[in-house]
Protein backbone atom coordinates (compact mmCIF):
# COMPACT_ATOMS: atom_id res chain seq x y z
CA MET A 1 0.32 -3.77 14.12
CA ARG A 2 0.37 -1.63 10.95
CA PHE A 3 -2.54 -3.17 8.77
CA ILE A 4 -3.16 -2.54 4.88
CA SER A 5 -6.76 -1.21 4.15
CA PHE A 6 -8.59 -1.25 0.48
CA LYS A 7 -11.89 -0.81 -0.65
CA LYS A 8 -13.88 -3.89 0.07
CA LYS A 9 -14.32 -4.28 -3.88
CA TYR A 10 -10.56 -4.95 -4.03
CA ALA A 11 -10.48 -6.79 -0.79
CA GLU A 12 -12.49 -9.54 -2.42
CA LEU A 13 -10.68 -9.48 -5.52
CA ILE A 14 -7.34 -10.12 -3.34
CA ILE A 15 -8.40 -13.03 -1.62
CA SER A 16 -10.91 -14.41 -4.85
CA ARG A 17 -6.46 -14.25 -6.03
CA ARG A 18 -7.59 -12.04 -9.39
CA LYS A 19 -5.93 -9.16 -7.96
CA THR A 20 -2.18 -10.00 -7.02
CA ALA A 21 -0.41 -6.35 -7.68
CA THR A 22 -0.91 -3.04 -6.41
CA VAL A 23 0.35 0.73 -6.37
CA ARG A 24 0.51 2.25 -3.31
CA LEU A 25 2.06 6.20 -3.05
CA THR A 26 3.18 5.07 0.29
CA ASP A 27 6.34 3.26 0.99
CA VAL A 28 5.49 2.11 4.88
CA PHE A 29 5.37 -1.61 3.88
CA GLU A 30 7.73 -3.85 3.51
CA ALA A 31 8.94 -6.61 0.85
CA GLY A 32 8.75 -10.00 3.00
CA LYS A 33 6.00 -9.23 5.62
CA VAL A 34 2.73 -10.33 6.49
CA TYR A 35 -0.11 -7.95 7.09
CA PRO A 36 -3.79 -7.77 8.53
CA LEU A 37 -6.17 -6.92 5.18
CA ARG A 38 -9.10 -4.31 6.20
CA ALA A 39 -11.81 -3.72 4.21
CA ASP A 40 -13.76 -1.66 7.40
CA TRP A 41 -11.90 0.23 10.07
CA PHE A 42 -13.94 -1.10 12.44
CA LYS A 43 -14.47 -4.68 11.76
CA PRO A 44 -11.23 -7.46 12.00
CA PRO A 45 -8.92 -8.44 9.15
CA LEU A 46 -10.85 -10.55 6.49
CA CYS A 47 -7.17 -12.09 6.21
CA HIS A 48 -3.42 -11.98 6.12
CA ILE A 49 -1.03 -10.84 2.96
CA LYS A 50 2.09 -11.32 2.19
CA ILE A 51 4.14 -8.61 0.12
CA PRO A 52 6.62 -10.92 -1.82
CA SER A 53 8.19 -7.72 -3.37
CA LYS A 54 8.53 -3.96 -4.05
CA LYS A 55 9.10 -2.10 -6.83
CA ARG A 56 9.08 2.04 -7.77
CA LYS A 57 8.54 2.79 -10.88
CA ARG A 58 6.76 5.35 -12.92
CA LEU A 59 3.00 5.84 -13.51
CA LYS A 60 3.78 6.22 -17.17
CA ALA A 61 6.10 3.13 -17.23
CA ILE A 62 3.07 0.51 -15.98
CA SER A 63 2.37 -1.89 -18.34
CA HIS A 64 -1.22 -3.74 -19.48
CA GLU A 65 -0.48 -7.04 -17.97
CA GLU A 66 0.54 -4.99 -14.38
CA THR A 67 -2.86 -3.07 -14.48
CA LEU A 68 -4.42 -6.67 -15.09
CA LYS A 69 -2.90 -7.65 -11.77
CA GLY A 70 -4.08 -4.95 -10.32
CA GLY A 71 -7.56 -5.94 -10.86
CA PHE A 72 -8.24 -2.99 -13.63
CA SER A 73 -9.28 -4.26 -17.23
CA ASN A 74 -7.03 -1.43 -18.78
CA LEU A 75 -5.10 1.21 -18.17
CA VAL A 76 -7.88 3.87 -18.60
CA GLU A 77 -9.63 2.09 -15.85
CA PHE A 78 -6.30 2.02 -13.40
C-alpha cells in the first residue's frame, strides 16, 4: 500500500488540523482515497488521511489563503 510521507513538523500540523492542504509535484495520490501518513520511514503510520479533492495549479496561482491551509504563514515561507 502506498503511504504519504511528511516531515514530522508538518505531520503534527496535519494531526492537529492546522494543515489542511499540501502541494505535491507528483500525481500518484487519488482523490477520495485514504492513505497512511508517515513521518518516519521505520515507524508505523501516525494516522490515516483522506484526500478529498485535487487541483492542478501553477505555483504563481497559489493564493495567500492556500499557503495558510498548507501550514505556512505567507507566500515567501511557502
